N, C-alpha and C. Protein backbone atom coordinates (compact mmCIF):
# COMPACT_ATOMS: atom_id res chain seq x y z
N MET A 1 87.80 111.28 105.18
CA MET A 1 87.84 109.51 104.69
C MET A 1 87.02 108.67 103.91
N ASN A 2 87.63 108.20 102.70
CA ASN A 2 85.82 107.79 101.78
C ASN A 2 86.16 106.09 101.90
N GLY A 3 85.34 105.49 100.83
CA GLY A 3 84.97 104.56 101.13
C GLY A 3 86.10 103.63 100.76
N ALA A 4 87.02 103.84 100.46
CA ALA A 4 88.58 103.23 99.24
C ALA A 4 89.24 102.93 100.96
N GLU A 5 89.57 104.13 101.46
CA GLU A 5 89.99 104.27 102.53
C GLU A 5 89.64 103.58 103.57
N ALA A 6 88.07 103.71 104.30
CA ALA A 6 87.69 102.42 105.06
C ALA A 6 87.87 101.29 104.58
N LEU A 7 88.06 101.04 103.35
CA LEU A 7 87.26 99.45 103.42
C LEU A 7 89.53 99.10 103.33
N VAL A 8 90.16 100.10 103.01
CA VAL A 8 92.08 99.39 103.37
C VAL A 8 91.97 99.70 105.20
N ARG A 9 91.39 99.84 105.42
CA ARG A 9 91.53 100.38 107.27
C ARG A 9 90.86 98.96 107.83
N THR A 10 89.71 98.23 106.96
CA THR A 10 89.13 97.50 107.50
C THR A 10 89.95 96.46 107.00
N LEU A 11 90.69 96.05 106.33
CA LEU A 11 91.56 94.83 105.84
C LEU A 11 92.40 94.67 106.71
N VAL A 12 92.89 95.96 107.18
CA VAL A 12 94.47 96.14 108.15
C VAL A 12 93.67 96.06 109.04
N GLY A 13 92.81 96.05 110.03
CA GLY A 13 91.82 95.50 110.72
C GLY A 13 91.84 93.93 111.12
N ALA A 14 91.61 93.42 109.99
CA ALA A 14 91.57 92.01 109.77
C ALA A 14 92.62 91.18 109.46
N GLU A 15 93.88 91.93 109.71
CA GLU A 15 95.22 90.96 109.38
C GLU A 15 95.59 91.11 107.99
N VAL A 16 95.08 91.80 107.10
CA VAL A 16 95.20 91.86 105.82
C VAL A 16 96.67 92.61 105.10
N ASP A 17 97.63 92.49 105.48
CA ASP A 17 98.60 93.53 105.11
C ASP A 17 99.05 93.57 103.95
N VAL A 18 99.23 92.52 103.03
CA VAL A 18 99.52 92.77 101.42
C VAL A 18 98.63 92.97 100.50
N CYS A 19 97.97 93.98 99.87
CA CYS A 19 97.63 93.96 98.80
C CYS A 19 98.10 93.96 97.19
N PHE A 20 97.98 92.65 96.48
CA PHE A 20 98.08 92.77 95.32
C PHE A 20 97.36 93.09 93.90
N ALA A 21 98.14 94.20 92.82
CA ALA A 21 96.91 94.95 92.36
C ALA A 21 97.43 94.83 90.84
N ASN A 22 96.56 94.93 90.08
CA ASN A 22 96.38 95.57 88.73
C ASN A 22 95.65 96.47 88.33
N PRO A 23 95.73 97.64 88.93
CA PRO A 23 94.02 98.53 88.72
C PRO A 23 94.02 98.96 87.51
N GLY A 24 92.54 99.35 87.83
CA GLY A 24 92.37 100.32 86.44
C GLY A 24 92.53 101.29 86.75
N THR A 25 91.51 102.34 85.53
CA THR A 25 91.32 103.66 86.24
C THR A 25 90.90 104.12 87.10
N SER A 26 89.51 103.23 87.71
CA SER A 26 87.85 103.54 88.17
C SER A 26 88.87 103.17 89.54
N GLU A 27 90.17 102.49 90.33
CA GLU A 27 90.29 101.63 91.37
C GLU A 27 91.38 102.60 91.56
N MET A 28 91.54 104.42 90.90
CA MET A 28 92.67 105.02 91.49
C MET A 28 92.00 105.52 92.57
N HIS A 29 91.00 105.49 93.72
CA HIS A 29 90.72 106.26 94.81
C HIS A 29 91.33 104.54 95.65
N PHE A 30 91.21 103.70 95.25
CA PHE A 30 91.51 102.78 96.25
C PHE A 30 93.02 103.03 95.75
N VAL A 31 94.18 102.94 94.93
CA VAL A 31 95.52 102.51 95.18
C VAL A 31 96.11 104.29 96.15
N VAL A 32 95.27 105.24 96.18
CA VAL A 32 95.38 106.04 97.03
C VAL A 32 95.23 105.84 97.85
N ALA A 33 94.68 105.20 98.76
CA ALA A 33 94.08 104.53 100.35
C ALA A 33 95.04 103.51 100.68
N LEU A 34 95.44 102.64 99.63
CA LEU A 34 96.55 101.89 99.98
C LEU A 34 97.55 102.64 100.39
N ASP A 35 98.21 103.50 99.91
CA ASP A 35 99.23 104.49 99.91
C ASP A 35 99.04 105.08 101.07
N ARG A 36 97.98 105.60 101.69
CA ARG A 36 98.00 106.30 102.57
C ARG A 36 97.48 105.45 104.05
N VAL A 37 97.04 104.78 104.36
CA VAL A 37 97.13 103.55 105.09
C VAL A 37 97.91 103.01 105.49
N ASP A 38 98.40 103.39 106.74
CA ASP A 38 100.29 102.58 107.39
C ASP A 38 99.41 101.51 107.50
N GLY A 39 100.65 100.45 106.90
CA GLY A 39 100.25 98.88 107.88
C GLY A 39 99.49 98.59 106.31
N MET A 40 99.51 98.65 104.85
CA MET A 40 98.62 97.88 104.47
C MET A 40 100.36 98.29 102.90
N ARG A 41 101.04 96.91 102.30
CA ARG A 41 101.91 97.17 101.42
C ARG A 41 101.19 96.84 100.16
N CYS A 42 101.13 97.97 98.87
CA CYS A 42 100.40 97.56 97.78
C CYS A 42 101.80 97.33 97.10
N VAL A 43 101.59 95.70 96.10
CA VAL A 43 102.79 94.95 95.75
C VAL A 43 101.78 95.00 94.21
N LEU A 44 102.49 95.87 92.73
CA LEU A 44 101.78 96.07 91.43
C LEU A 44 102.18 95.14 90.72
N CYS A 45 101.22 93.90 90.35
CA CYS A 45 101.52 93.44 89.13
C CYS A 45 100.84 93.93 87.58
N LEU A 46 101.93 93.31 86.80
CA LEU A 46 101.64 93.32 85.18
C LEU A 46 100.58 92.62 84.62
N ALA A 47 99.88 91.28 85.20
CA ALA A 47 99.06 90.91 85.00
C ALA A 47 97.78 90.43 86.03
N GLU A 48 96.80 90.34 85.36
CA GLU A 48 96.07 89.69 86.18
C GLU A 48 96.11 88.43 87.03
N GLY A 49 96.39 87.50 86.14
CA GLY A 49 97.11 85.85 86.51
C GLY A 49 98.08 86.28 87.58
N SER A 50 99.05 86.94 87.06
CA SER A 50 99.71 86.72 88.24
C SER A 50 99.58 88.07 89.67
N VAL A 51 98.45 88.35 89.48
CA VAL A 51 98.38 89.25 90.67
C VAL A 51 97.69 87.99 91.75
N THR A 52 96.78 86.87 90.97
CA THR A 52 95.79 86.50 91.79
C THR A 52 96.85 85.07 92.40
N GLY A 53 97.88 84.97 91.17
CA GLY A 53 98.74 83.86 91.68
C GLY A 53 99.59 83.96 92.26
N ALA A 54 99.87 85.54 92.92
CA ALA A 54 100.65 85.86 94.15
C ALA A 54 100.12 85.49 95.30
N ALA A 55 98.87 86.52 95.08
CA ALA A 55 97.76 86.37 96.53
C ALA A 55 97.62 85.03 96.53
N ASP A 56 97.88 83.90 95.70
CA ASP A 56 97.07 82.39 96.54
C ASP A 56 98.94 82.10 96.92
N GLY A 57 99.96 82.23 96.49
CA GLY A 57 100.96 82.01 96.65
C GLY A 57 101.66 82.55 98.69
N TYR A 58 101.39 83.79 98.13
CA TYR A 58 101.59 84.37 99.52
C TYR A 58 100.67 84.12 100.67
N ALA A 59 99.39 83.46 100.32
CA ALA A 59 99.02 83.31 101.54
C ALA A 59 99.02 81.97 101.78
N ARG A 60 99.19 81.33 100.53
CA ARG A 60 99.96 79.66 101.00
C ARG A 60 101.22 79.94 102.07
N MET A 61 102.06 80.93 101.88
CA MET A 61 103.50 80.53 101.93
C MET A 61 103.60 81.48 103.25
N ALA A 62 102.58 82.25 103.93
CA ALA A 62 102.55 83.46 105.07
C ALA A 62 101.66 83.11 105.73
N ASP A 63 100.12 81.77 105.72
CA ASP A 63 99.40 81.27 106.23
C ASP A 63 98.57 82.56 106.76
N LYS A 64 98.76 83.79 106.16
CA LYS A 64 97.81 84.42 106.56
C LYS A 64 96.80 85.24 105.04
N PRO A 65 95.58 85.49 105.15
CA PRO A 65 95.16 86.45 104.05
C PRO A 65 95.79 87.24 103.33
N ALA A 66 95.58 87.24 102.15
CA ALA A 66 96.10 88.27 101.10
C ALA A 66 95.22 88.72 100.21
N SER A 67 95.07 89.85 99.92
CA SER A 67 94.05 90.62 98.72
C SER A 67 94.71 91.19 97.62
N THR A 68 93.47 91.13 96.47
CA THR A 68 93.89 91.49 95.65
C THR A 68 93.14 92.42 94.83
N LEU A 69 93.36 93.11 93.83
CA LEU A 69 92.69 94.23 93.38
C LEU A 69 92.60 94.19 91.83
N LEU A 70 91.54 93.58 91.12
CA LEU A 70 91.49 93.65 90.06
C LEU A 70 90.66 94.30 89.29
N HIS A 71 90.62 94.54 87.75
CA HIS A 71 89.77 95.87 87.33
C HIS A 71 88.38 95.22 87.05
N LEU A 72 87.13 95.00 86.57
CA LEU A 72 85.55 94.38 86.23
C LEU A 72 86.03 93.86 85.03
N GLY A 73 85.39 93.02 84.65
CA GLY A 73 85.35 92.57 83.40
C GLY A 73 86.29 91.67 82.71
N PRO A 74 87.30 92.17 82.06
CA PRO A 74 88.50 91.29 81.87
C PRO A 74 89.36 91.09 82.62
N GLY A 75 90.02 92.28 83.69
CA GLY A 75 90.60 91.74 84.51
C GLY A 75 90.24 91.01 85.15
N LEU A 76 88.43 90.37 86.21
CA LEU A 76 88.29 89.74 86.57
C LEU A 76 88.44 88.48 86.16
N ALA A 77 87.87 88.24 84.86
CA ALA A 77 88.22 87.12 84.00
C ALA A 77 89.57 86.48 83.67
N ASN A 78 90.44 87.65 83.46
CA ASN A 78 91.95 86.76 83.39
C ASN A 78 92.55 85.71 84.82
N GLY A 79 92.07 86.53 85.90
CA GLY A 79 92.71 86.11 86.85
C GLY A 79 91.86 85.26 87.83
N LEU A 80 90.34 84.41 87.27
CA LEU A 80 89.06 83.51 87.71
C LEU A 80 90.12 82.23 87.49
N THR A 81 91.22 81.62 86.97
CA THR A 81 91.88 80.54 87.16
C THR A 81 92.61 79.99 88.08
N ASN A 82 93.47 81.86 88.51
CA ASN A 82 93.87 81.30 89.95
C ASN A 82 93.13 81.71 91.40
N ILE A 83 92.02 81.93 90.69
CA ILE A 83 90.89 82.39 92.05
C ILE A 83 90.36 80.71 92.38
N HIS A 84 89.84 80.37 91.28
CA HIS A 84 89.16 79.07 91.19
C HIS A 84 90.67 78.10 92.23
N ASN A 85 91.90 77.74 91.69
CA ASN A 85 92.66 77.52 92.55
C ASN A 85 92.62 77.54 94.13
N ALA A 86 92.82 78.87 94.25
CA ALA A 86 92.72 79.31 95.71
C ALA A 86 91.38 78.79 96.38
N ARG A 87 90.35 78.76 95.85
CA ARG A 87 89.38 78.20 96.34
C ARG A 87 89.18 76.60 96.57
N ARG A 88 89.83 76.41 95.88
CA ARG A 88 89.84 74.84 96.07
C ARG A 88 91.25 74.81 97.20
N GLY A 89 91.91 75.51 97.18
CA GLY A 89 93.27 74.45 98.12
C GLY A 89 92.84 75.49 99.56
N PHE A 90 91.60 76.05 99.78
CA PHE A 90 90.92 76.68 100.75
C PHE A 90 92.37 77.63 101.11
N THR A 91 92.42 78.26 100.31
CA THR A 91 93.11 79.59 100.87
C THR A 91 93.15 80.85 101.23
N PRO A 92 92.99 81.76 102.63
CA PRO A 92 92.48 83.02 102.62
C PRO A 92 93.17 84.03 101.58
N MET A 93 91.67 84.62 101.02
CA MET A 93 91.95 85.24 99.95
C MET A 93 90.94 86.58 99.85
N VAL A 94 91.52 87.87 99.67
CA VAL A 94 90.19 88.66 99.47
C VAL A 94 90.08 89.72 98.24
N ASN A 95 89.04 89.32 97.35
CA ASN A 95 89.42 89.53 95.65
C ASN A 95 88.28 91.05 95.93
N ILE A 96 89.11 92.20 95.47
CA ILE A 96 88.53 93.42 95.21
C ILE A 96 88.30 93.82 93.75
N VAL A 97 86.99 93.82 93.07
CA VAL A 97 86.76 94.13 91.89
C VAL A 97 86.25 95.20 91.88
N GLY A 98 86.94 96.51 91.75
CA GLY A 98 86.67 97.82 90.64
C GLY A 98 84.92 98.03 89.73
N GLU A 99 84.74 99.16 89.81
CA GLU A 99 83.68 98.90 89.35
C GLU A 99 83.43 100.34 88.61
N HIS A 100 82.81 100.34 86.86
CA HIS A 100 83.57 101.50 85.79
C HIS A 100 82.27 102.27 86.61
N ALA A 101 83.58 103.45 86.26
CA ALA A 101 83.24 104.43 86.74
C ALA A 101 82.54 105.32 86.17
N THR A 102 81.32 106.46 86.61
CA THR A 102 80.11 106.42 85.44
C THR A 102 80.23 107.29 84.24
N TYR A 103 81.57 107.90 84.60
CA TYR A 103 81.91 108.39 83.43
C TYR A 103 83.15 108.69 82.50
N HIS A 104 82.83 106.94 82.28
CA HIS A 104 83.77 106.66 82.08
C HIS A 104 82.73 105.46 80.79
N ARG A 105 81.83 105.06 81.03
CA ARG A 105 79.97 104.03 80.43
C ARG A 105 80.41 104.93 79.18
N PRO A 106 79.68 103.90 78.31
CA PRO A 106 79.06 105.08 76.86
C PRO A 106 77.80 104.68 77.34
N THR A 107 77.31 106.46 76.66
CA THR A 107 75.59 106.54 76.77
C THR A 107 74.98 106.40 76.12
N THR A 108 74.30 104.46 76.04
CA THR A 108 73.64 104.26 74.95
C THR A 108 71.80 104.07 75.53
N ARG A 109 71.14 103.63 74.93
CA ARG A 109 70.04 103.62 75.41
C ARG A 109 70.22 102.47 76.71
N ARG A 110 70.99 101.16 76.26
CA ARG A 110 71.28 100.22 77.62
C ARG A 110 71.89 100.81 78.42
N SER A 111 72.66 101.31 78.13
CA SER A 111 73.48 101.63 79.70
C SER A 111 73.08 102.59 80.66
N LEU A 112 71.30 103.34 79.95
CA LEU A 112 70.68 104.02 80.78
C LEU A 112 69.88 103.00 82.20
N PRO A 113 69.37 103.77 83.08
CA PRO A 113 68.26 104.25 83.55
C PRO A 113 66.94 104.19 83.05
N THR A 114 65.97 103.71 83.92
CA THR A 114 64.71 102.76 82.88
C THR A 114 64.18 104.43 82.82
N SER A 115 64.67 105.11 83.28
CA SER A 115 63.53 106.39 83.06
C SER A 115 63.61 107.23 81.76
N ARG A 116 65.19 107.29 82.00
CA ARG A 116 66.27 108.34 80.82
C ARG A 116 66.52 107.39 79.41
N ALA A 117 65.83 105.99 80.18
CA ALA A 117 65.79 105.51 78.14
C ALA A 117 65.20 105.30 77.55
N ARG A 118 63.82 105.77 78.45
CA ARG A 118 62.22 105.17 77.28
C ARG A 118 62.51 106.93 76.73
N ARG A 119 62.72 107.62 76.86
CA ARG A 119 63.39 109.09 76.08
C ARG A 119 64.06 108.79 75.26
N GLY A 120 64.80 107.70 75.32
CA GLY A 120 66.08 107.86 74.00
C GLY A 120 66.88 108.65 73.85
N PRO A 121 67.61 108.66 73.10
CA PRO A 121 69.64 109.00 73.09
C PRO A 121 69.27 110.17 72.30
N SER A 122 67.64 110.37 71.90
CA SER A 122 68.06 111.72 71.14
C SER A 122 68.14 113.08 71.77
N ARG A 123 67.34 112.52 72.91
CA ARG A 123 67.62 113.78 73.54
C ARG A 123 68.87 114.29 74.47
N MET A 124 69.35 113.03 74.59
CA MET A 124 70.76 113.55 75.86
C MET A 124 71.95 114.21 74.85
N GLY A 125 71.83 114.15 73.47
CA GLY A 125 73.12 115.31 72.77
C GLY A 125 74.03 114.51 71.95
N SER A 126 74.70 114.11 72.11
CA SER A 126 75.72 113.59 70.53
C SER A 126 75.91 112.17 71.16
N THR A 127 75.98 110.91 69.99
CA THR A 127 76.03 109.64 70.58
C THR A 127 77.74 109.80 70.41
N PRO A 128 77.88 108.95 71.89
CA PRO A 128 79.34 108.96 71.79
C PRO A 128 80.35 107.64 70.96
N ARG A 129 81.73 108.12 70.43
CA ARG A 129 82.43 107.57 69.74
C ARG A 129 82.35 105.66 70.25
N SER A 130 81.92 105.57 71.59
CA SER A 130 82.25 104.00 71.39
C SER A 130 80.60 103.02 71.30
N ALA A 131 79.85 104.41 70.43
CA ALA A 131 78.87 103.28 70.20
C ALA A 131 78.92 102.70 69.09
N PRO A 132 78.09 101.57 68.95
CA PRO A 132 78.28 100.85 67.49
C PRO A 132 78.18 101.99 66.72
N ARG A 133 78.92 101.41 65.19
CA ARG A 133 78.88 102.54 64.08
C ARG A 133 77.81 102.83 63.81
N ARG A 134 76.27 101.92 63.96
CA ARG A 134 75.04 101.88 62.95
C ARG A 134 74.85 102.81 63.89
N TRP A 135 74.20 102.92 64.91
CA TRP A 135 74.14 104.25 66.10
C TRP A 135 74.23 105.16 65.92
N ARG A 136 75.80 105.48 65.41
CA ARG A 136 75.93 106.51 64.86
C ARG A 136 75.00 107.14 63.84
N ARG A 137 75.48 106.14 63.01
CA ARG A 137 74.03 106.63 61.52
C ARG A 137 73.51 107.18 61.70
N THR A 138 72.59 106.07 62.65
CA THR A 138 71.35 106.58 62.98
C THR A 138 71.23 107.55 63.26
N ARG A 139 71.68 107.78 64.68
CA ARG A 139 71.35 109.05 65.67
C ARG A 139 71.75 110.03 64.48
N SER A 140 73.12 110.66 63.57
CA SER A 140 73.22 111.93 62.40
C SER A 140 71.73 111.95 61.44
N ARG A 141 71.14 110.63 61.40
CA ARG A 141 69.81 110.63 59.92
C ARG A 141 68.71 111.67 61.02
N ARG A 142 68.68 111.08 62.52
CA ARG A 142 67.62 111.38 63.06
C ARG A 142 68.16 113.37 63.17
N SER A 143 69.37 113.74 63.30
CA SER A 143 69.54 115.08 63.59
C SER A 143 69.11 115.78 62.25
N ARG A 144 69.46 115.11 61.29
CA ARG A 144 69.22 115.59 59.78
C ARG A 144 67.85 115.89 59.61
N ARG A 145 66.96 115.28 60.33
CA ARG A 145 65.68 115.09 59.48
C ARG A 145 65.25 116.30 60.83
N ARG A 146 65.33 116.07 61.59
CA ARG A 146 64.86 117.34 62.85
C ARG A 146 65.32 118.90 62.12
N ALA A 147 66.87 118.70 61.98
CA ALA A 147 66.78 119.78 61.36
C ALA A 147 66.47 120.02 60.32
N ALA A 148 65.75 119.67 58.93
CA ALA A 148 64.62 119.60 58.03
C ALA A 148 63.21 120.24 58.91
N ARG A 149 62.73 119.60 59.76
CA ARG A 149 61.86 119.79 60.07
C ARG A 149 61.45 121.02 60.47
N ARG A 150 62.77 121.82 61.58
CA ARG A 150 62.59 122.67 62.21
C ARG A 150 62.94 124.11 61.04
N ALA A 151 63.66 123.88 60.10
CA ALA A 151 63.50 124.69 59.46
C ALA A 151 62.38 124.95 58.00
N LYS A 152 61.58 123.46 58.18
CA LYS A 152 60.37 123.85 57.32
C LYS A 152 59.39 124.40 58.28
N SER A 153 59.47 124.46 59.15
CA SER A 153 58.38 124.89 60.33
C SER A 153 58.60 126.51 60.34
N ARG A 154 60.32 127.02 60.44
CA ARG A 154 60.38 128.01 60.43
C ARG A 154 59.49 129.22 59.42
N ARG A 155 59.59 128.57 58.31
CA ARG A 155 59.27 129.02 57.11
C ARG A 155 57.53 129.41 57.49
């Protein structure tokens, strides 16, 4: 059992039996856990607004809590309007928001732990494609300078 499955079992134990979801790639472990655990029904929705709106409506009509599964960032932001409406209406709703997987994050100086950020991206390999273009250009200049210094030192 992993953390996603433990969370689903906890929700089922708390009598939450429906999860409205619009998952991203980093929430796939939770989606698999929704399928494995008996007692939890997953309803996939096309947009985050419909996820939170459906959960709000279900919880109000069934008079029991509903859960949502949203992606971090734009996914959560798109659903905030209905989450606010549910909060104002005292609707019981459990919102589960995924985190970006570490292998999806760009490796830039700002995203590194402080110990690695001090060394900078020059020791980490190539600059990722998701980095801004000006960083990639700077990176290639550094590489060229470093290669020129190595060539001079070998002579």
